[in-house]
Amino acid sequence: TTFSIGEAKADKSEIKNGENLELSIPVSNTGKRTGAEVVQVYVKKVNDTDGPNKTLRGFKRVEVAAGKTSQVTINLSPSTFEFYDPKQLKMAVTSGDYEIYYGNCSDLKGLKMMKISIL
């Protein structure tokens, strides 16, 4: 079967350091058979030139009946936004902008993106 990933909604567009972020992502089964899809969530710290392009920080498997849509909820804990901070010389959550990529593959071309800020 085939799937379509809709536009994610976050419970907040800005979070404080130490807060969780909850994503709700619609997954539609556009095929003719019931099937399962794995929704993947990647995070990148904006302007982090030394860090990774994106890092897998969450995923969830969902079974969807043919022609139906299910909402997938993925809770991102504060550690989701931890990256190496050269000022502190350790992994840390720092204030700034983050890009959240989500979809059913790891290829950036196939992922959708939203931004959040940590205050």
Protein backbone atom coordinates (compact mmCIF):
# COMPACT_ATOMS: atom_id res chain seq x y z
CA THR A 1 0.00 0.00 0.00
CA THR A 2 1.03 3.66 -0.10
CA PHE A 3 1.07 6.40 2.52
CA SER A 4 0.96 10.17 2.65
CA ILE A 5 2.37 12.20 5.54
CA GLY A 6 0.43 15.39 6.32
CA GLU A 7 1.50 18.62 7.97
CA ALA A 8 2.62 18.17 11.57
CA LYS A 9 1.32 20.32 14.38
CA ALA A 10 3.43 21.06 17.45
CA ASP A 11 1.83 21.89 20.78
CA LYS A 12 4.19 24.93 21.00
CA SER A 13 6.35 26.92 18.59
CA GLU A 14 8.67 28.02 21.41
CA ILE A 15 9.75 25.99 24.41
CA LYS A 16 11.84 26.67 27.46
CA ASN A 17 14.95 24.64 28.08
CA GLY A 18 13.80 21.47 29.83
CA GLU A 19 10.30 21.35 28.32
CA ASN A 20 8.87 18.56 26.18
CA LEU A 21 7.48 19.14 22.70
CA GLU A 22 4.60 17.08 21.36
CA LEU A 23 4.14 16.55 17.62
CA SER A 24 0.93 15.33 16.02
CA ILE A 25 1.46 14.01 12.49
CA PRO A 26 -1.37 12.79 10.22
CA VAL A 27 -0.60 9.59 8.30
CA SER A 28 -2.98 8.66 5.49
CA ASN A 29 -3.15 5.27 3.83
CA THR A 30 -3.71 6.15 0.18
CA GLY A 31 -3.66 2.55 -0.98
CA LYS A 32 -6.20 -0.25 -1.13
CA ARG A 33 -4.90 -2.40 1.75
CA THR A 34 -4.35 -1.96 5.45
CA GLY A 35 -0.69 -1.42 6.19
CA ALA A 36 1.89 -0.12 8.62
CA GLU A 37 4.12 2.92 8.29
CA VAL A 38 7.00 4.19 10.41
CA VAL A 39 7.05 7.95 10.99
CA GLN A 40 10.53 9.29 11.65
CA VAL A 41 11.53 12.57 13.34
CA TYR A 42 14.94 14.18 12.85
CA VAL A 43 16.33 17.31 14.54
CA LYS A 44 18.99 19.80 13.45
CA LYS A 45 20.25 22.83 15.35
CA VAL A 46 20.16 25.83 13.00
CA ASN A 47 23.60 27.42 12.36
CA ASP A 48 25.45 24.46 13.91
CA THR A 49 28.14 24.13 11.24
CA ASP A 50 30.07 21.44 13.12
CA GLY A 51 27.07 19.28 14.05
CA PRO A 52 25.25 16.63 12.04
CA ASN A 53 22.95 17.42 9.10
CA LYS A 54 20.12 15.83 11.04
CA THR A 55 19.82 13.33 13.86
CA LEU A 56 17.09 10.70 14.30
CA ARG A 57 15.37 11.62 17.56
CA GLY A 58 12.04 9.81 17.42
CA PHE A 59 9.94 7.33 15.48
CA LYS A 60 6.65 5.52 15.78
CA ARG A 61 5.05 2.65 13.87
CA VAL A 62 1.36 3.03 13.06
CA GLU A 63 -1.11 0.70 11.36
CA VAL A 64 -3.62 2.47 9.13
CA ALA A 65 -6.64 0.96 7.36
CA ALA A 66 -7.00 1.50 3.61
CA GLY A 67 -8.35 4.97 2.83
CA LYS A 68 -8.09 6.15 6.45
CA THR A 69 -5.93 8.68 8.31
CA SER A 70 -4.41 8.24 11.76
CA GLN A 71 -2.78 10.85 13.98
CA VAL A 72 0.67 9.85 15.21
CA THR A 73 1.77 11.57 18.40
CA ILE A 74 5.49 11.74 19.08
CA ASN A 75 6.72 13.26 22.34
CA LEU A 76 10.15 14.89 22.10
CA SER A 77 11.86 15.08 25.49
CA PRO A 78 14.32 17.86 26.36
CA SER A 79 17.28 15.58 25.51
CA THR A 80 16.00 15.52 21.91
CA PHE A 81 17.53 18.97 21.49
CA GLU A 82 20.94 18.12 22.97
CA PHE A 83 23.91 18.83 20.73
CA TYR A 84 27.58 19.38 21.44
CA ASP A 85 28.21 22.88 22.80
CA PRO A 86 31.83 23.97 22.25
CA LYS A 87 31.49 26.73 24.87
CA GLN A 88 30.61 24.23 27.59
CA LEU A 89 32.69 21.40 26.05
CA LYS A 90 29.80 18.97 26.50
CA MET A 91 26.41 17.91 25.16
CA ALA A 92 23.80 20.48 26.13
CA VAL A 93 20.48 22.00 25.17
CA THR A 94 21.15 25.59 24.16
CA SER A 95 18.80 28.39 23.21
CA GLY A 96 18.22 29.02 19.53
CA ASP A 97 16.34 27.74 16.52
CA TYR A 98 15.92 24.08 15.65
CA GLU A 99 14.59 22.40 12.52
CA ILE A 100 12.41 19.35 12.96
CA TYR A 101 12.20 17.06 9.92
CA TYR A 102 9.55 14.35 9.75
CA GLY A 103 8.32 11.77 7.28
CA ASN A 104 8.65 8.12 6.31
CA CYS A 105 12.26 8.15 5.03
CA SER A 106 15.65 9.56 5.95
CA ASP A 107 16.21 11.42 2.66
CA LEU A 108 15.90 15.19 3.20
CA LYS A 109 14.06 15.47 -0.12
CA GLY A 110 11.29 13.24 1.22
CA LEU A 111 10.95 14.93 4.62
CA LYS A 112 8.80 17.85 5.70
CA MET A 113 10.21 20.51 8.01
CA MET A 114 9.05 22.81 10.77
CA LYS A 115 10.99 25.12 13.08
CA ILE A 116 10.84 25.66 16.81
CA SER A 117 12.80 27.91 19.14
CA ILE A 118 14.24 27.15 22.54
CA LEU A 119 14.29 30.20 24.79
